[in-house]
Amino acid sequence: MKIAFASKDGTNVNEHFGWCETFYLYEIDENNANLLKEIDSYQKYEAEVDKLEYKIDCVSEADMIYVTQIGPKAANMVKIAGIYPMKAASEEEKIEDVVAQLQKMIANPPLWLKRILLK
């Protein structure tokens, strides 16, 4: 499963989806987690829809995005693109902690995670 984390520093999930300039794309399974790449998502679009479409295109290979905030319009657009949006508990939530939690859940996934894993 591939997850794009919205982060200012590559350590914490501390960025709003629409304002994020860098996403960190990880591939995880039950035993491994690998940073695949940093995705530069900086843009200069004026129109909200253009901005959101660009951000979604940047993370299009992700199965899930993990952000501090995402607006309802953006969340709907992300879901339509086949990406599952998740909100961090706080801006101090560490990417490595989220990865560890997800890895534990993979063995006996809840329904929402099972849908992602079966894609």
PDB file of N, CA and C in Angstrom:
ATOM      1  N   MET A   1       0.856  -1.164   0.000  1.00  0.00           N
ATOM      2  CA  MET A   1       0.000   0.000   0.000  1.00  0.00           C
ATOM      3  C   MET A   1       0.907   1.233   0.000  1.00  0.00           C
ATOM      4  N   LYS A   2       0.505   2.233  -0.769  1.00  0.00           N
ATOM      5  CA  LYS A   2       1.283   3.473  -0.843  1.00  0.00           C
ATOM      6  C   LYS A   2       0.532   4.595  -0.132  1.00  0.00           C
ATOM      7  N   ILE A   3       1.283   5.326   0.695  1.00  0.00           N
ATOM      8  CA  ILE A   3       0.699   6.412   1.478  1.00  0.00           C
ATOM      9  C   ILE A   3       1.511   7.680   1.256  1.00  0.00           C
ATOM     10  N   ALA A   4       0.818   8.777   0.959  1.00  0.00           N
ATOM     11  CA  ALA A   4       1.462  10.088   0.813  1.00  0.00           C
ATOM     12  C   ALA A   4       1.203  10.886   2.090  1.00  0.00           C
ATOM     13  N   PHE A   5       2.270  11.285   2.759  1.00  0.00           N
ATOM     14  CA  PHE A   5       2.183  12.067   3.984  1.00  0.00           C
ATOM     15  C   PHE A   5       2.434  13.536   3.672  1.00  0.00           C
ATOM     16  N   ALA A   6       1.555  14.410   4.145  1.00  0.00           N
ATOM     17  CA  ALA A   6       1.725  15.855   3.978  1.00  0.00           C
ATOM     18  C   ALA A   6       2.596  16.348   5.127  1.00  0.00           C
ATOM     19  N   SER A   7       3.801  16.818   4.793  1.00  0.00           N
ATOM     20  CA  SER A   7       4.753  17.175   5.844  1.00  0.00           C
ATOM     21  C   SER A   7       5.646  18.336   5.421  1.00  0.00           C
ATOM     22  N   LYS A   8       5.942  19.190   6.393  1.00  0.00           N
ATOM     23  CA  LYS A   8       6.889  20.291   6.173  1.00  0.00           C
ATOM     24  C   LYS A   8       8.324  19.824   6.378  1.00  0.00           C
ATOM     25  N   ASP A   9       8.500  18.754   7.174  1.00  0.00           N
ATOM     26  CA  ASP A   9       9.847  18.362   7.586  1.00  0.00           C
ATOM     27  C   ASP A   9      10.218  16.909   7.281  1.00  0.00           C
ATOM     28  N   GLY A  10       9.291  16.128   6.741  1.00  0.00           N
ATOM     29  CA  GLY A  10       9.578  14.732   6.443  1.00  0.00           C
ATOM     30  C   GLY A  10       9.556  13.821   7.654  1.00  0.00           C
ATOM     31  N   THR A  11       9.256  14.371   8.819  1.00  0.00           N
ATOM     32  CA  THR A  11       9.228  13.600  10.063  1.00  0.00           C
ATOM     33  C   THR A  11       7.827  13.518  10.647  1.00  0.00           C
ATOM     34  N   ASN A  12       7.122  14.651  10.632  1.00  0.00           N
ATOM     35  CA  ASN A  12       5.785  14.738  11.220  1.00  0.00           C
ATOM     36  C   ASN A  12       4.730  14.963  10.139  1.00  0.00           C
ATOM     37  N   VAL A  13       3.512  14.520  10.431  1.00  0.00           N
ATOM     38  CA  VAL A  13       2.372  14.830   9.567  1.00  0.00           C
ATOM     39  C   VAL A  13       1.886  16.197  10.038  1.00  0.00           C
ATOM     40  N   ASN A  14       2.321  17.255   9.351  1.00  0.00           N
ATOM     41  CA  ASN A  14       2.078  18.607   9.868  1.00  0.00           C
ATOM     42  C   ASN A  14       1.712  19.612   8.776  1.00  0.00           C
ATOM     43  N   GLU A  15       0.980  19.143   7.770  1.00  0.00           N
ATOM     44  CA  GLU A  15       0.622  20.049   6.684  1.00  0.00           C
ATOM     45  C   GLU A  15      -0.815  19.796   6.214  1.00  0.00           C
ATOM     46  N   HIS A  16      -1.479  20.884   5.873  1.00  0.00           N
ATOM     47  CA  HIS A  16      -2.832  20.865   5.301  1.00  0.00           C
ATOM     48  C   HIS A  16      -2.720  20.391   3.853  1.00  0.00           C
ATOM     49  N   PHE A  17      -3.661  19.581   3.397  1.00  0.00           N
ATOM     50  CA  PHE A  17      -3.597  19.046   2.033  1.00  0.00           C
ATOM     51  C   PHE A  17      -3.423  20.141   0.988  1.00  0.00           C
ATOM     52  N   GLY A  18      -4.271  21.154   1.031  1.00  0.00           N
ATOM     53  CA  GLY A  18      -4.244  22.197   0.011  1.00  0.00           C
ATOM     54  C   GLY A  18      -3.026  23.097   0.047  1.00  0.00           C
ATOM     55  N   TRP A  19      -2.352  23.158   1.195  1.00  0.00           N
ATOM     56  CA  TRP A  19      -1.183  24.031   1.342  1.00  0.00           C
ATOM     57  C   TRP A  19       0.138  23.277   1.258  1.00  0.00           C
ATOM     58  N   CYS A  20       0.066  21.972   1.201  1.00  0.00           N
ATOM     59  CA  CYS A  20       1.277  21.154   1.249  1.00  0.00           C
ATOM     60  C   CYS A  20       2.138  21.366   0.003  1.00  0.00           C
ATOM     61  N   GLU A  21       3.417  21.622   0.231  1.00  0.00           N
ATOM     62  CA  GLU A  21       4.361  21.794  -0.872  1.00  0.00           C
ATOM     63  C   GLU A  21       5.184  20.539  -1.127  1.00  0.00           C
ATOM     64  N   THR A  22       5.226  19.625  -0.145  1.00  0.00           N
ATOM     65  CA  THR A  22       5.965  18.374  -0.310  1.00  0.00           C
ATOM     66  C   THR A  22       5.198  17.232   0.347  1.00  0.00           C
ATOM     67  N   PHE A  23       4.948  16.192  -0.425  1.00  0.00           N
ATOM     68  CA  PHE A  23       4.381  14.953   0.103  1.00  0.00           C
ATOM     69  C   PHE A  23       5.498  13.913   0.126  1.00  0.00           C
ATOM     70  N   TYR A  24       5.470  13.054   1.125  1.00  0.00           N
ATOM     71  CA  TYR A  24       6.445  11.973   1.256  1.00  0.00           C
ATOM     72  C   TYR A  24       5.707  10.662   0.991  1.00  0.00           C
ATOM     73  N   LEU A  25       6.051  10.001  -0.107  1.00  0.00           N
ATOM     74  CA  LEU A  25       5.353   8.794  -0.529  1.00  0.00           C
ATOM     75  C   LEU A  25       6.081   7.561  -0.006  1.00  0.00           C
ATOM     76  N   TYR A  26       5.373   6.789   0.813  1.00  0.00           N
ATOM     77  CA  TYR A  26       5.900   5.552   1.380  1.00  0.00           C
ATOM     78  C   TYR A  26       5.138   4.370   0.808  1.00  0.00           C
ATOM     79  N   GLU A  27       5.836   3.255   0.702  1.00  0.00           N
ATOM     80  CA  GLU A  27       5.180   1.986   0.412  1.00  0.00           C
ATOM     81  C   GLU A  27       5.352   1.127   1.650  1.00  0.00           C
ATOM     82  N   ILE A  28       4.239   0.622   2.173  1.00  0.00           N
ATOM     83  CA  ILE A  28       4.329  -0.186   3.387  1.00  0.00           C
ATOM     84  C   ILE A  28       3.597  -1.506   3.199  1.00  0.00           C
ATOM     85  N   ASP A  29       4.089  -2.494   3.918  1.00  0.00           N
ATOM     86  CA  ASP A  29       3.367  -3.750   4.073  1.00  0.00           C
ATOM     87  C   ASP A  29       3.508  -4.127   5.545  1.00  0.00           C
ATOM     88  N   GLU A  30       3.141  -5.333   5.884  1.00  0.00           N
ATOM     89  CA  GLU A  30       3.127  -5.731   7.289  1.00  0.00           C
ATOM     90  C   GLU A  30       4.507  -5.646   7.947  1.00  0.00           C
ATOM     91  N   ASN A  31       5.569  -5.835   7.160  1.00  0.00           N
ATOM     92  CA  ASN A  31       6.915  -5.913   7.732  1.00  0.00           C
ATOM     93  C   ASN A  31       7.868  -4.808   7.305  1.00  0.00           C
ATOM     94  N   ASN A  32       7.563  -4.107   6.236  1.00  0.00           N
ATOM     95  CA  ASN A  32       8.502  -3.132   5.685  1.00  0.00           C
ATOM     96  C   ASN A  32       7.836  -1.795   5.409  1.00  0.00           C
ATOM     97  N   ALA A  33       8.654  -0.759   5.472  1.00  0.00           N
ATOM     98  CA  ALA A  33       8.211   0.587   5.098  1.00  0.00           C
ATOM     99  C   ALA A  33       9.370   1.263   4.378  1.00  0.00           C
ATOM    100  N   ASN A  34       9.112   1.726   3.174  1.00  0.00           N
ATOM    101  CA  ASN A  34      10.161   2.372   2.386  1.00  0.00           C
ATOM    102  C   ASN A  34       9.684   3.708   1.854  1.00  0.00           C
ATOM    103  N   LEU A  35      10.519   4.731   2.047  1.00  0.00           N
ATOM    104  CA  LEU A  35      10.254   6.026   1.437  1.00  0.00           C
ATOM    105  C   LEU A  35      10.580   5.888  -0.041  1.00  0.00           C
ATOM    106  N   LEU A  36       9.567   6.035  -0.883  1.00  0.00           N
ATOM    107  CA  LEU A  36       9.779   5.913  -2.325  1.00  0.00           C
ATOM    108  C   LEU A  36      10.304   7.205  -2.924  1.00  0.00           C
ATOM    109  N   LYS A  37       9.693   8.326  -2.494  1.00  0.00           N
ATOM    110  CA  LYS A  37      10.138   9.611  -3.038  1.00  0.00           C
ATOM    111  C   LYS A  37       9.478  10.766  -2.311  1.00  0.00           C
ATOM    112  N   GLU A  38      10.084  11.924  -2.489  1.00  0.00           N
ATOM    113  CA  GLU A  38       9.490  13.185  -2.055  1.00  0.00           C
ATOM    114  C   GLU A  38       8.818  13.778  -3.284  1.00  0.00           C
ATOM    115  N   ILE A  39       7.563  14.190  -3.123  1.00  0.00           N
ATOM    116  CA  ILE A  39       6.805  14.737  -4.246  1.00  0.00           C
ATOM    117  C   ILE A  39       6.676  16.240  -4.071  1.00  0.00           C
ATOM    118  N   ASP A  40       7.256  16.988  -4.996  1.00  0.00           N
ATOM    119  CA  ASP A  40       7.142  18.447  -4.975  1.00  0.00           C
ATOM    120  C   ASP A  40       5.756  18.814  -5.491  1.00  0.00           C
ATOM    121  N   SER A  41       4.938  19.399  -4.625  1.00  0.00           N
ATOM    122  CA  SER A  41       3.571  19.750  -5.028  1.00  0.00           C
ATOM    123  C   SER A  41       3.327  21.253  -4.968  1.00  0.00           C
ATOM    124  N   TYR A  42       4.426  22.022  -5.015  1.00  0.00           N
ATOM    125  CA  TYR A  42       4.284  23.479  -5.032  1.00  0.00           C
ATOM    126  C   TYR A  42       3.635  23.886  -6.353  1.00  0.00           C
ATOM    127  N   GLN A  43       2.721  24.837  -6.282  1.00  0.00           N
ATOM    128  CA  GLN A  43       2.040  25.301  -7.490  1.00  0.00           C
ATOM    129  C   GLN A  43       1.643  26.767  -7.342  1.00  0.00           C
ATOM    130  N   LYS A  44       1.274  27.374  -8.456  1.00  0.00           N
ATOM    131  CA  LYS A  44       0.898  28.796  -8.457  1.00  0.00           C
ATOM    132  C   LYS A  44      -0.497  29.025  -9.028  1.00  0.00           C
ATOM    133  N   TYR A  45      -1.341  28.018  -9.010  1.00  0.00           N
ATOM    134  CA  TYR A  45      -2.695  28.180  -9.546  1.00  0.00           C
ATOM    135  C   TYR A  45      -3.509  29.133  -8.685  1.00  0.00           C
ATOM    136  N   GLU A  46      -4.368  29.892  -9.319  1.00  0.00           N
ATOM    137  CA  GLU A  46      -5.252  30.827  -8.610  1.00  0.00           C
ATOM    138  C   GLU A  46      -6.570  30.165  -8.224  1.00  0.00           C
ATOM    139  N   ALA A  47      -7.166  29.448  -9.154  1.00  0.00           N
ATOM    140  CA  ALA A  47      -8.482  28.844  -8.927  1.00  0.00           C
ATOM    141  C   ALA A  47      -8.375  27.635  -7.993  1.00  0.00           C
ATOM    142  N   GLU A  48      -9.314  27.548  -7.052  1.00  0.00           N
ATOM    143  CA  GLU A  48      -9.290  26.472  -6.059  1.00  0.00           C
ATOM    144  C   GLU A  48      -9.328  25.090  -6.705  1.00  0.00           C
ATOM    145  N   VAL A  49     -10.198  24.904  -7.676  1.00  0.00           N
ATOM    146  CA  VAL A  49     -10.318  23.593  -8.323  1.00  0.00           C
ATOM    147  C   VAL A  49      -9.013  23.217  -9.017  1.00  0.00           C
ATOM    148  N   ASP A  50      -8.372  24.173  -9.676  1.00  0.00           N
ATOM    149  CA  ASP A  50      -7.089  23.903 -10.334  1.00  0.00           C
ATOM    150  C   ASP A  50      -6.035  23.478  -9.315  1.00  0.00           C
ATOM    151  N   LYS A  51      -5.992  24.173  -8.175  1.00  0.00           N
ATOM    152  CA  LYS A  51      -5.039  23.824  -7.111  1.00  0.00           C
ATOM    153  C   LYS A  51      -5.267  22.401  -6.627  1.00  0.00           C
ATOM    154  N   LEU A  52      -6.527  22.073  -6.347  1.00  0.00           N
ATOM    155  CA  LEU A  52      -6.849  20.748  -5.826  1.00  0.00           C
ATOM    156  C   LEU A  52      -6.564  19.653  -6.848  1.00  0.00           C
ATOM    157  N   GLU A  53      -6.916  19.890  -8.097  1.00  0.00           N
ATOM    158  CA  GLU A  53      -6.643  18.898  -9.142  1.00  0.00           C
ATOM    159  C   GLU A  53      -5.146  18.651  -9.275  1.00  0.00           C
ATOM    160  N   TYR A  54      -4.355  19.720  -9.159  1.00  0.00           N
ATOM    161  CA  TYR A  54      -2.902  19.570  -9.242  1.00  0.00           C
ATOM    162  C   TYR A  54      -2.377  18.736  -8.075  1.00  0.00           C
ATOM    163  N   LYS A  55      -2.830  19.039  -6.862  1.00  0.00           N
ATOM    164  CA  LYS A  55      -2.388  18.285  -5.676  1.00  0.00           C
ATOM    165  C   LYS A  55      -2.760  16.809  -5.819  1.00  0.00           C
ATOM    166  N   ILE A  56      -3.979  16.551  -6.261  1.00  0.00           N
ATOM    167  CA  ILE A  56      -4.432  15.165  -6.425  1.00  0.00           C
ATOM    168  C   ILE A  56      -3.593  14.454  -7.480  1.00  0.00           C
ATOM    169  N   ASP A  57      -3.276  15.138  -8.566  1.00  0.00           N
ATOM    170  CA  ASP A  57      -2.415  14.555  -9.594  1.00  0.00           C
ATOM    171  C   ASP A  57      -1.037  14.216  -9.024  1.00  0.00           C
ATOM    172  N   CYS A  58      -0.523  15.071  -8.148  1.00  0.00           N
ATOM    173  CA  CYS A  58       0.791  14.834  -7.537  1.00  0.00           C
ATOM    174  C   CYS A  58       0.822  13.542  -6.720  1.00  0.00           C
ATOM    175  N   VAL A  59      -0.289  13.225  -6.053  1.00  0.00           N
ATOM    176  CA  VAL A  59      -0.335  12.048  -5.175  1.00  0.00           C
ATOM    177  C   VAL A  59      -1.142  10.899  -5.793  1.00  0.00           C
ATOM    178  N   SER A  60      -1.321  10.925  -7.090  1.00  0.00           N
ATOM    179  CA  SER A  60      -2.210   9.968  -7.760  1.00  0.00           C
ATOM    180  C   SER A  60      -1.803   8.509  -7.589  1.00  0.00           C
ATOM    181  N   GLU A  61      -0.533   8.233  -7.346  1.00  0.00           N
ATOM    182  CA  GLU A  61      -0.144   6.829  -7.175  1.00  0.00           C
ATOM    183  C   GLU A  61      -0.341   6.334  -5.743  1.00  0.00           C
ATOM    184  N   ALA A  62      -0.761   7.222  -4.838  1.00  0.00           N
ATOM    185  CA  ALA A  62      -1.010   6.832  -3.445  1.00  0.00           C
ATOM    186  C   ALA A  62      -2.378   6.174  -3.303  1.00  0.00           C
ATOM    187  N   ASP A  63      -2.466   5.249  -2.363  1.00  0.00           N
ATOM    188  CA  ASP A  63      -3.743   4.637  -2.001  1.00  0.00           C
ATOM    189  C   ASP A  63      -4.414   5.436  -0.889  1.00  0.00           C
ATOM    190  N   MET A  64      -3.591   6.171  -0.133  1.00  0.00           N
ATOM    191  CA  MET A  64      -4.064   6.917   1.019  1.00  0.00           C
ATOM    192  C   MET A  64      -3.208   8.174   1.163  1.00  0.00           C
ATOM    193  N   ILE A  65      -3.832   9.261   1.645  1.00  0.00           N
ATOM    194  CA  ILE A  65      -3.056  10.441   2.024  1.00  0.00           C
ATOM    195  C   ILE A  65      -3.288  10.679   3.505  1.00  0.00           C
ATOM    196  N   TYR A  66      -2.277  11.168   4.174  1.00  0.00           N
ATOM    197  CA  TYR A  66      -2.342  11.457   5.600  1.00  0.00           C
ATOM    198  C   TYR A  66      -1.985  12.923   5.770  1.00  0.00           C
ATOM    199  N   VAL A  67      -2.922  13.709   6.305  1.00  0.00           N
ATOM    200  CA  VAL A  67      -2.780  15.165   6.390  1.00  0.00           C
ATOM    201  C   VAL A  67      -3.264  15.664   7.753  1.00  0.00           C
ATOM    202  N   THR A  68      -2.939  16.926   8.087  1.00  0.00           N
ATOM    203  CA  THR A  68      -3.493  17.491   9.322  1.00  0.00           C
ATOM    204  C   THR A  68      -4.910  17.978   9.097  1.00  0.00           C
ATOM    205  N   GLN A  69      -5.174  18.527   7.924  1.00  0.00           N
ATOM    206  CA  GLN A  69      -6.502  19.038   7.583  1.00  0.00           C
ATOM    207  C   GLN A  69      -6.748  18.828   6.090  1.00  0.00           C
ATOM    208  N   ILE A  70      -8.024  18.665   5.767  1.00  0.00           N
ATOM    209  CA  ILE A  70      -8.439  18.622   4.365  1.00  0.00           C
ATOM    210  C   ILE A  70      -9.882  19.108   4.328  1.00  0.00           C
ATOM    211  N   GLY A  71     -10.155  20.035   3.442  1.00  0.00           N
ATOM    212  CA  GLY A  71     -11.505  20.570   3.331  1.00  0.00           C
ATOM    213  C   GLY A  71     -12.459  19.548   2.737  1.00  0.00           C
ATOM    214  N   PRO A  72     -13.763  19.757   2.929  1.00  0.00           N
ATOM    215  CA  PRO A  72     -14.746  18.795   2.422  1.00  0.00           C
ATOM    216  C   PRO A  72     -14.721  18.637   0.903  1.00  0.00           C
ATOM    217  N   LYS A  73     -14.528  19.731   0.186  1.00  0.00           N
ATOM    218  CA  LYS A  73     -14.467  19.658  -1.280  1.00  0.00           C
ATOM    219  C   LYS A  73     -13.247  18.849  -1.715  1.00  0.00           C
ATOM    220  N   ALA A  74     -12.097  19.138  -1.099  1.00  0.00           N
ATOM    221  CA  ALA A  74     -10.870  18.416  -1.433  1.00  0.00           C
ATOM    222  C   ALA A  74     -10.993  16.941  -1.062  1.00  0.00           C
ATOM    223  N   ALA A  75     -11.565  16.652   0.102  1.00  0.00           N
ATOM    224  CA  ALA A  75     -11.729  15.262   0.533  1.00  0.00           C
ATOM    225  C   ALA A  75     -12.589  14.493  -0.461  1.00  0.00           C
ATOM    226  N   ASN A  76     -13.650  15.113  -0.932  1.00  0.00           N
ATOM    227  CA  ASN A  76     -14.518  14.468  -1.911  1.00  0.00           C
ATOM    228  C   ASN A  76     -13.774  14.218  -3.224  1.00  0.00           C
ATOM    229  N   MET A  77     -13.012  15.207  -3.678  1.00  0.00           N
ATOM    230  CA  MET A  77     -12.252  15.049  -4.922  1.00  0.00           C
ATOM    231  C   MET A  77     -11.199  13.944  -4.785  1.00  0.00           C
ATOM    232  N   VAL A  78     -10.557  13.879  -3.618  1.00  0.00           N
ATOM    233  CA  VAL A  78      -9.548  12.850  -3.356  1.00  0.00           C
ATOM    234  C   VAL A  78     -10.199  11.463  -3.391  1.00  0.00           C
ATOM    235  N   LYS A  79     -11.347  11.335  -2.744  1.00  0.00           N
ATOM    236  CA  LYS A  79     -12.053  10.041  -2.735  1.00  0.00           C
ATOM    237  C   LYS A  79     -12.461   9.622  -4.144  1.00  0.00           C
ATOM    238  N   ILE A  80     -12.962  10.569  -4.932  1.00  0.00           N
ATOM    239  CA  ILE A  80     -13.347  10.266  -6.314  1.00  0.00           C
ATOM    240  C   ILE A  80     -12.141   9.767  -7.112  1.00  0.00           C
ATOM    241  N   ALA A  81     -10.947  10.285  -6.786  1.00  0.00           N
ATOM    242  CA  ALA A  81      -9.715   9.856  -7.457  1.00  0.00           C
ATOM    243  C   ALA A  81      -9.237   8.486  -6.969  1.00  0.00           C
ATOM    244  N   GLY A  82      -9.951   7.899  -5.995  1.00  0.00           N
ATOM    245  CA  GLY A  82      -9.585   6.570  -5.505  1.00  0.00           C
ATOM    246  C   GLY A  82      -8.545   6.578  -4.410  1.00  0.00           C
ATOM    247  N   ILE A  83      -8.384   7.717  -3.748  1.00  0.00           N
ATOM    248  CA  ILE A  83      -7.405   7.859  -2.670  1.00  0.00           C
ATOM    249  C   ILE A  83      -8.173   8.069  -1.367  1.00  0.00           C
ATOM    250  N   TYR A  84      -7.759   7.382  -0.309  1.00  0.00           N
ATOM    251  CA  TYR A  84      -8.455   7.463   0.976  1.00  0.00           C
ATOM    252  C   TYR A  84      -7.797   8.543   1.839  1.00  0.00           C
ATOM    253  N   PRO A  85      -8.515   9.622   2.189  1.00  0.00           N
ATOM    254  CA  PRO A  85      -7.920  10.676   3.025  1.00  0.00           C
ATOM    255  C   PRO A  85      -8.016  10.349   4.513  1.00  0.00           C
ATOM    256  N   MET A  86      -6.934  10.592   5.240  1.00  0.00           N
ATOM    257  CA  MET A  86      -6.886  10.394   6.693  1.00  0.00           C
ATOM    258  C   MET A  86      -6.342  11.663   7.341  1.00  0.00           C
ATOM    259  N   LYS A  87      -6.889  12.008   8.511  1.00  0.00           N
ATOM    260  CA  LYS A  87      -6.409  13.176   9.249  1.00  0.00           C
ATOM    261  C   LYS A  87      -5.553  12.727  10.423  1.00  0.00           C
ATOM    262  N   ALA A  88      -4.430  13.404  10.609  1.00  0.00           N
ATOM    263  CA  ALA A  88      -3.540  13.132  11.736  1.00  0.00           C
ATOM    264  C   ALA A  88      -4.200  13.579  13.035  1.00  0.00           C
ATOM    265  N   ALA A  89      -3.806  12.946  14.126  1.00  0.00           N
ATOM    266  CA  ALA A  89      -4.334  13.309  15.441  1.00  0.00           C
ATOM    267  C   ALA A  89      -3.855  14.697  15.854  1.00  0.00           C
ATOM    268  N   SER A  90      -2.630  15.056  15.441  1.00  0.00           N
ATOM    269  CA  SER A  90      -2.069  16.371  15.756  1.00  0.00           C
ATOM    270  C   SER A  90      -0.916  16.649  14.805  1.00  0.00           C
ATOM    271  N   GLU A  91      -0.396  17.881  14.846  1.00  0.00           N
ATOM    272  CA  GLU A  91       0.752  18.227  13.996  1.00  0.00           C
ATOM    273  C   GLU A  91       2.049  17.622  14.514  1.00  0.00           C
ATOM    274  N   GLU A  92       2.010  17.027  15.695  1.00  0.00           N
ATOM    275  CA  GLU A  92       3.197  16.368  16.239  1.00  0.00           C
ATOM    276  C   GLU A  92       3.209  14.872  15.928  1.00  0.00           C
ATOM    277  N   GLU A  93       2.169  14.375  15.258  1.00  0.00           N
ATOM    278  CA  GLU A  93       2.122  12.947  14.955  1.00  0.00           C
ATOM    279  C   GLU A  93       3.237  12.602  13.967  1.00  0.00           C
ATOM    280  N   LYS A  94       4.065  11.657  14.351  1.00  0.00           N
ATOM    281  CA  LYS A  94       5.220  11.283  13.541  1.00  0.00           C
ATOM    282  C   LYS A  94       4.821  10.289  12.446  1.00  0.00           C
ATOM    283  N   ILE A  95       5.417  10.477  11.282  1.00  0.00           N
ATOM    284  CA  ILE A  95       5.169   9.577  10.157  1.00  0.00           C
ATOM    285  C   ILE A  95       5.493   8.143  10.560  1.00  0.00           C
ATOM    286  N   GLU A  96       6.609   7.933  11.245  1.00  0.00           N
ATOM    287  CA  GLU A  96       7.010   6.573  11.626  1.00  0.00           C
ATOM    288  C   GLU A  96       5.988   5.921  12.560  1.00  0.00           C
ATOM    289  N   ASP A  97       5.334   6.719  13.413  1.00  0.00           N
ATOM    290  CA  ASP A  97       4.302   6.174  14.303  1.00  0.00           C
ATOM    291  C   ASP A  97       3.055   5.767  13.520  1.00  0.00           C
ATOM    292  N   VAL A  98       2.670   6.590  12.551  1.00  0.00           N
ATOM    293  CA  VAL A  98       1.516   6.257  11.708  1.00  0.00           C
ATOM    294  C   VAL A  98       1.803   4.979  10.930  1.00  0.00           C
ATOM    295  N   VAL A  99       2.998   4.881  10.367  1.00  0.00           N
ATOM    296  CA  VAL A  99       3.388   3.688   9.613  1.00  0.00           C
ATOM    297  C   VAL A  99       3.311   2.454  10.511  1.00  0.00           C
ATOM    298  N   ALA A 100       3.846   2.551  11.725  1.00  0.00           N
ATOM    299  CA  ALA A 100       3.827   1.415  12.660  1.00  0.00           C
ATOM    300  C   ALA A 100       2.392   1.005  13.005  1.00  0.00           C
ATOM    301  N   GLN A 101       1.517   1.983  13.211  1.00  0.00           N
ATOM    302  CA  GLN A 101       0.110   1.680  13.516  1.00  0.00           C
ATOM    303  C   GLN A 101      -0.557   0.964  12.342  1.00  0.00           C
ATOM    304  N   LEU A 102      -0.312   1.456  11.143  1.00  0.00           N
ATOM    305  CA  LEU A 102      -0.911   0.830   9.960  1.00  0.00           C
ATOM    306  C   LEU A 102      -0.370  -0.580   9.744  1.00  0.00           C
ATOM    307  N   GLN A 103       0.919  -0.769   9.993  1.00  0.00           N
ATOM    308  CA  GLN A 103       1.503  -2.097   9.831  1.00  0.00           C
ATOM    309  C   GLN A 103       0.857  -3.098  10.790  1.00  0.00           C
ATOM    310  N   LYS A 104       0.567  -2.668  12.009  1.00  0.00           N
ATOM    311  CA  LYS A 104      -0.102  -3.553  12.974  1.00  0.00           C
ATOM    312  C   LYS A 104      -1.507  -3.912  12.499  1.00  0.00           C
ATOM    313  N   MET A 105      -2.184  -2.957  11.873  1.00  0.00           N
ATOM    314  CA  MET A 105      -3.557  -3.191  11.417  1.00  0.00           C
ATOM    315  C   MET A 105      -3.635  -4.086  10.185  1.00  0.00           C
ATOM    316  N   ILE A 106      -2.564  -4.164   9.404  1.00  0.00           N
ATOM    317  CA  ILE A 106      -2.589  -4.934   8.158  1.00  0.00           C
ATOM    318  C   ILE A 106      -2.880  -6.412   8.416  1.00  0.00           C
ATOM    319  N   ALA A 107      -2.387  -6.961   9.527  1.00  0.00           N
ATOM    320  CA  ALA A 107      -2.604  -8.375   9.833  1.00  0.00           C
ATOM    321  C   ALA A 107      -4.088  -8.705   9.987  1.00  0.00           C
ATOM    322  N   ASN A 108      -4.846  -7.802  10.582  1.00  0.00           N
ATOM    323  CA  ASN A 108      -6.286  -7.987  10.776  1.00  0.00           C
ATOM    324  C   ASN A 108      -6.965  -6.650  10.481  1.00  0.00           C
ATOM    325  N   PRO A 109      -7.043  -6.287   9.200  1.00  0.00           N
ATOM    326  CA  PRO A 109      -7.472  -4.932   8.847  1.00  0.00           C
ATOM    327  C   PRO A 109      -8.960  -4.675   9.072  1.00  0.00           C
ATOM    328  N   PRO A 110      -9.276  -3.456   9.536  1.00  0.00           N
ATOM    329  CA  PRO A 110     -10.679  -3.056   9.565  1.00  0.00           C
ATOM    330  C   PRO A 110     -11.173  -2.935   8.118  1.00  0.00           C
ATOM    331  N   LEU A 111     -12.476  -2.873   7.942  1.00  0.00           N
ATOM    332  CA  LEU A 111     -13.064  -2.880   6.600  1.00  0.00           C
ATOM    333  C   LEU A 111     -12.510  -1.779   5.699  1.00  0.00           C
ATOM    334  N   TRP A 112     -12.356  -0.555   6.233  1.00  0.00           N
ATOM    335  CA  TRP A 112     -11.861   0.549   5.405  1.00  0.00           C
ATOM    336  C   TRP A 112     -10.456   0.260   4.889  1.00  0.00           C
ATOM    337  N   LEU A 113      -9.608  -0.373   5.719  1.00  0.00           N
ATOM    338  CA  LEU A 113      -8.246  -0.684   5.296  1.00  0.00           C
ATOM    339  C   LEU A 113      -8.240  -1.886   4.352  1.00  0.00           C
ATOM    340  N   LYS A 114      -9.108  -2.836   4.593  1.00  0.00           N
ATOM    341  CA  LYS A 114      -9.208  -4.007   3.715  1.00  0.00           C
ATOM    342  C   LYS A 114      -9.537  -3.570   2.287  1.00  0.00           C
ATOM    343  N   ARG A 115     -10.419  -2.589   2.152  1.00  0.00           N
ATOM    344  CA  ARG A 115     -10.773  -2.078   0.817  1.00  0.00           C
ATOM    345  C   ARG A 115      -9.551  -1.502   0.104  1.00  0.00           C
ATOM    346  N   ILE A 116      -8.710  -0.811   0.853  1.00  0.00           N
ATOM    347  CA  ILE A 116      -7.495  -0.233   0.265  1.00  0.00           C
ATOM    348  C   ILE A 116      -6.529  -1.338  -0.138  1.00  0.00           C
ATOM    349  N   LEU A 117      -6.349  -2.315   0.735  1.00  0.00           N
ATOM    350  CA  LEU A 117      -5.402  -3.393   0.472  1.00  0.00           C
ATOM    351  C   LEU A 117      -5.824  -4.267  -0.710  1.00  0.00           C
ATOM    352  N   LEU A 118      -7.120  -4.348  -0.966  1.00  0.00           N
ATOM    353  CA  LEU A 118      -7.624  -5.190  -2.059  1.00  0.00           C
ATOM    354  C   LEU A 118      -7.695  -4.467  -3.400  1.00  0.00           C
ATOM    355  N   LYS A 119      -7.312  -3.199  -3.437  1.00  0.00           N
ATOM    356  CA  LYS A 119      -7.357  -2.434  -4.697  1.00  0.00           C
ATOM    357  C   LYS A 119      -6.441  -3.037  -5.734  1.00  0.00           C
TER     358      LYS A 119
END
